[in-house]
Amino acid sequence: MSTRATFDPQEVEFMSEETMIKIVPLYDMDRIDLITGSIGPFTANESIAEVPLWIAMTLRKKGKCRVIQPDWLKAIQLRDTFEKEVASVSFASLPFHYLEIALLLLKFAGDDFEDQHLIRAKIEDIENFRHDKMKMGLRRISAVDGPMFGFVLNNISAMEINRNREFVCTSLHNLRQIDGANEEEEDEEEDEQANEEQDDDD
């Protein structure tokens, strides 16, 4: 029985919806009981509440809350993150579900955010640059004569892992084959050297 190498994008997005997001309730609301616990009650415009992303989206669609823009999703912070991506071979620190969260919040609560069009552009820039960085690094370590013997994958996100899982597995498989071939060649050279030394002794 075969298993899938990756999840559908919708499945990865679904996983992200448990991320806690800050909102400002616009109406008084009773406590909401969830499997994971309870949230609320909420008092209109008097407090900031932290709720799962899916609840924030539901309330926002009904006009019952305003979503507070996460610091990492502000335009100035995204510019800084992109600069760090360009300046380093490693990946900048972002939430594990940064891409899914950003796209969902922009879709359902974009009007609550400053510079939403700039945010969309910066998220796309970051996503594309990180994608190219990962592909380049993996190609280098999987090349037979590659100058790179390691590649740091810290801070990669859920969607990036999912999209590149098959390529990563193939690259690592190729690398293991190369290592195995090198070990066999070294063993053969050692055997030849040992035989030559034995012939000299005779």
Protein backbone atom coordinates (compact mmCIF):
# COMPACT_ATOMS: atom_id res chain seq x y z
CA MET A 1 0.00 0.00 0.00
CA SER A 2 1.52 3.32 -1.10
CA THR A 3 1.59 6.45 1.01
CA ARG A 4 1.59 10.03 -0.19
CA ALA A 5 4.88 11.87 -0.11
CA THR A 6 3.18 15.21 0.50
CA PHE A 7 0.00 16.77 1.84
CA ASP A 8 -2.39 18.82 -0.24
CA PRO A 9 -1.86 22.58 0.27
CA GLN A 10 -5.34 22.72 1.81
CA GLU A 11 -4.30 20.16 4.41
CA VAL A 12 -1.21 22.15 5.38
CA GLU A 13 -3.40 25.26 5.55
CA PHE A 14 -5.84 23.43 7.82
CA MET A 15 -2.99 22.57 10.22
CA SER A 16 -2.09 26.25 10.46
CA GLU A 17 -5.55 27.25 11.63
CA GLU A 18 -4.80 26.29 15.25
CA THR A 19 -2.21 29.10 15.44
CA MET A 20 -3.18 31.64 18.10
CA ILE A 21 -4.06 35.11 16.79
CA LYS A 22 -4.88 38.30 18.69
CA ILE A 23 -8.22 40.00 18.06
CA VAL A 24 -10.27 42.89 19.41
CA PRO A 25 -13.90 41.75 19.90
CA LEU A 26 -16.47 44.20 18.51
CA TYR A 27 -19.41 42.62 20.34
CA ASP A 28 -19.98 41.10 23.76
CA MET A 29 -19.78 37.34 23.33
CA ASP A 30 -20.22 34.38 25.65
CA ARG A 31 -17.52 31.86 26.34
CA ILE A 32 -16.74 29.47 23.49
CA ASP A 33 -16.03 25.87 24.52
CA LEU A 34 -13.59 23.95 22.32
CA ILE A 35 -12.08 20.47 22.46
CA THR A 36 -8.76 22.06 23.38
CA GLY A 37 -10.27 24.36 26.02
CA SER A 38 -12.44 27.43 26.38
CA ILE A 39 -11.98 31.00 25.17
CA GLY A 40 -13.86 34.09 26.21
CA PRO A 41 -16.18 35.53 27.28
CA PHE A 42 -15.45 38.66 25.25
CA THR A 43 -16.26 42.28 26.01
CA ALA A 44 -16.61 44.61 23.03
CA ASN A 45 -13.66 46.96 22.42
CA GLU A 46 -12.37 46.59 25.98
CA SER A 47 -9.79 43.84 25.74
CA ILE A 48 -7.49 41.93 23.43
CA ALA A 49 -8.24 38.23 23.11
CA GLU A 50 -6.05 35.45 21.76
CA VAL A 51 -7.95 32.83 19.74
CA PRO A 52 -7.15 30.12 17.17
CA LEU A 53 -6.82 31.42 13.63
CA TRP A 54 -9.95 29.62 12.44
CA ILE A 55 -12.06 31.34 15.10
CA ALA A 56 -10.50 34.71 14.26
CA MET A 57 -11.43 34.18 10.60
CA THR A 58 -14.98 33.10 11.48
CA LEU A 59 -15.58 36.11 13.74
CA ARG A 60 -13.96 38.49 11.25
CA LYS A 61 -16.17 37.26 8.40
CA LYS A 62 -19.21 37.97 10.58
CA GLY A 63 -17.90 41.43 11.47
CA LYS A 64 -17.58 40.51 15.14
CA CYS A 65 -13.90 41.27 15.63
CA ARG A 66 -10.89 43.14 14.32
CA VAL A 67 -7.69 41.18 13.83
CA ILE A 68 -4.51 42.61 15.30
CA GLN A 69 -1.69 42.52 12.78
CA PRO A 70 1.14 40.24 13.99
CA ASP A 71 4.45 42.06 14.34
CA TRP A 72 6.22 39.71 11.92
CA LEU A 73 3.54 40.46 9.29
CA LYS A 74 4.07 44.23 9.28
CA ALA A 75 5.63 45.69 6.14
CA ILE A 76 8.73 47.07 7.87
CA GLN A 77 9.42 43.73 9.53
CA LEU A 78 8.94 41.83 6.28
CA ARG A 79 11.43 44.14 4.55
CA ASP A 80 13.93 43.34 7.30
CA THR A 81 13.24 39.62 6.96
CA PHE A 82 13.79 39.74 3.21
CA GLU A 83 17.10 41.56 3.68
CA LYS A 84 18.21 38.82 6.09
CA GLU A 85 17.25 36.17 3.55
CA VAL A 86 19.35 37.83 0.87
CA ALA A 87 22.34 38.37 3.16
CA SER A 88 22.60 34.83 4.54
CA VAL A 89 22.80 31.26 3.24
CA SER A 90 20.59 30.17 6.14
CA PHE A 91 16.86 30.84 6.42
CA ALA A 92 15.46 33.78 8.38
CA SER A 93 13.31 33.02 11.41
CA LEU A 94 9.57 33.06 10.64
CA PRO A 95 6.53 31.27 12.12
CA PHE A 96 6.37 27.61 11.04
CA HIS A 97 3.13 28.31 9.17
CA TYR A 98 4.05 31.85 8.09
CA LEU A 99 2.86 31.51 4.51
CA GLU A 100 -0.52 29.96 5.29
CA ILE A 101 -1.18 32.42 8.13
CA ALA A 102 -0.24 35.42 6.01
CA LEU A 103 -2.44 34.41 3.08
CA LEU A 104 -5.43 33.58 5.27
CA LEU A 105 -5.19 36.80 7.28
CA LEU A 106 -4.81 38.89 4.15
CA LYS A 107 -7.81 37.16 2.62
CA PHE A 108 -10.16 37.51 5.58
CA ALA A 109 -8.74 40.47 7.51
CA GLY A 110 -6.60 42.42 5.04
CA ASP A 111 -8.61 45.58 5.63
CA ASP A 112 -7.49 45.53 9.27
CA PHE A 113 -3.82 45.82 8.26
CA GLU A 114 -1.66 48.70 7.13
CA ASP A 115 0.02 48.39 3.71
CA GLN A 116 -1.72 45.14 2.81
CA HIS A 117 -0.65 45.37 -0.85
CA LEU A 118 2.98 45.86 0.16
CA ILE A 119 2.66 42.96 2.59
CA ARG A 120 1.42 40.69 -0.19
CA ALA A 121 4.37 41.67 -2.37
CA LYS A 122 6.92 41.13 0.39
CA ILE A 123 5.49 37.74 1.34
CA GLU A 124 5.77 36.70 -2.30
CA ASP A 125 9.36 37.99 -2.49
CA ILE A 126 10.32 36.06 0.66
CA GLU A 127 8.58 32.89 -0.49
CA ASN A 128 10.26 32.95 -3.92
CA PHE A 129 13.72 33.74 -2.58
CA ARG A 130 13.55 31.00 0.05
CA HIS A 131 12.35 28.54 -2.60
CA ASP A 132 15.32 29.35 -4.85
CA LYS A 133 17.71 29.18 -1.89
CA MET A 134 16.51 25.72 -0.93
CA LYS A 135 16.67 24.37 -4.48
CA MET A 136 20.20 25.71 -4.97
CA GLY A 137 21.45 24.27 -1.68
CA LEU A 138 19.96 20.84 -2.29
CA ARG A 139 21.30 20.69 -5.84
CA ARG A 140 24.79 21.51 -4.58
CA ILE A 141 24.89 18.79 -1.94
CA SER A 142 23.44 16.20 -4.34
CA ALA A 143 25.96 16.95 -7.11
CA VAL A 144 28.74 14.39 -7.56
CA ASP A 145 31.44 17.05 -7.57
CA GLY A 146 29.55 19.51 -5.37
CA PRO A 147 31.68 21.79 -3.19
CA MET A 148 29.14 21.66 -0.38
CA PHE A 149 28.94 18.85 2.20
CA GLY A 150 26.06 20.24 4.26
CA PHE A 151 23.07 22.52 4.07
CA VAL A 152 21.37 24.18 7.06
CA LEU A 153 17.59 23.79 6.90
CA ASN A 154 16.72 25.48 10.20
CA ASN A 155 13.66 27.76 10.08
CA ILE A 156 12.07 26.25 6.99
CA SER A 157 8.29 26.33 7.12
CA ALA A 158 5.57 23.69 6.92
CA MET A 159 4.60 24.58 3.36
CA GLU A 160 8.24 24.69 2.24
CA ILE A 161 8.85 21.23 3.71
CA ASN A 162 5.74 19.90 2.02
CA ARG A 163 6.53 21.40 -1.39
CA ASN A 164 10.13 20.20 -1.40
CA ARG A 165 9.76 16.85 0.38
CA GLU A 166 10.13 14.73 -2.77
CA PHE A 167 13.09 16.75 -4.03
CA VAL A 168 14.80 16.57 -0.61
CA CYS A 169 14.31 12.80 -0.38
CA THR A 170 15.69 12.31 -3.90
CA SER A 171 18.70 14.52 -3.17
CA LEU A 172 19.51 12.67 0.06
CA HIS A 173 19.12 9.32 -1.71
CA ASN A 174 21.55 10.43 -4.42
CA LEU A 175 23.97 11.64 -1.76
CA ARG A 176 23.88 8.27 0.01
CA GLN A 177 24.56 6.51 -3.29
CA ILE A 178 27.55 8.77 -3.90
CA ASP A 179 28.90 8.08 -0.40
CA GLY A 180 28.42 4.35 -0.93
CA ALA A 181 30.27 4.42 -4.25
CA ASN A 182 33.13 6.40 -2.69
CA GLU A 183 33.43 3.91 0.15
CA GLU A 184 33.57 0.98 -2.30
CA GLU A 185 36.28 2.76 -4.30
CA GLU A 186 38.31 3.40 -1.15
CA ASP A 187 37.97 -0.25 -0.10
CA GLU A 188 39.17 -1.41 -3.52
CA GLU A 189 42.17 0.92 -3.35
CA GLU A 190 43.06 -0.38 0.12
CA ASP A 191 42.80 -3.98 -1.08
CA GLU A 192 45.03 -3.24 -4.07
CA GLN A 193 47.58 -1.54 -1.83
CA ALA A 194 47.55 -4.46 0.58
CA ASN A 195 48.08 -6.94 -2.27
CA GLU A 196 50.97 -4.90 -3.65
CA GLU A 197 52.64 -4.81 -0.22
CA GLN A 198 52.21 -8.58 0.11
CA ASP A 199 53.77 -9.15 -3.33
CA ASP A 200 56.74 -6.99 -2.33
CA ASP A 201 57.25 -9.06 0.82
CA ASP A 202 57.23 -12.26 -1.23
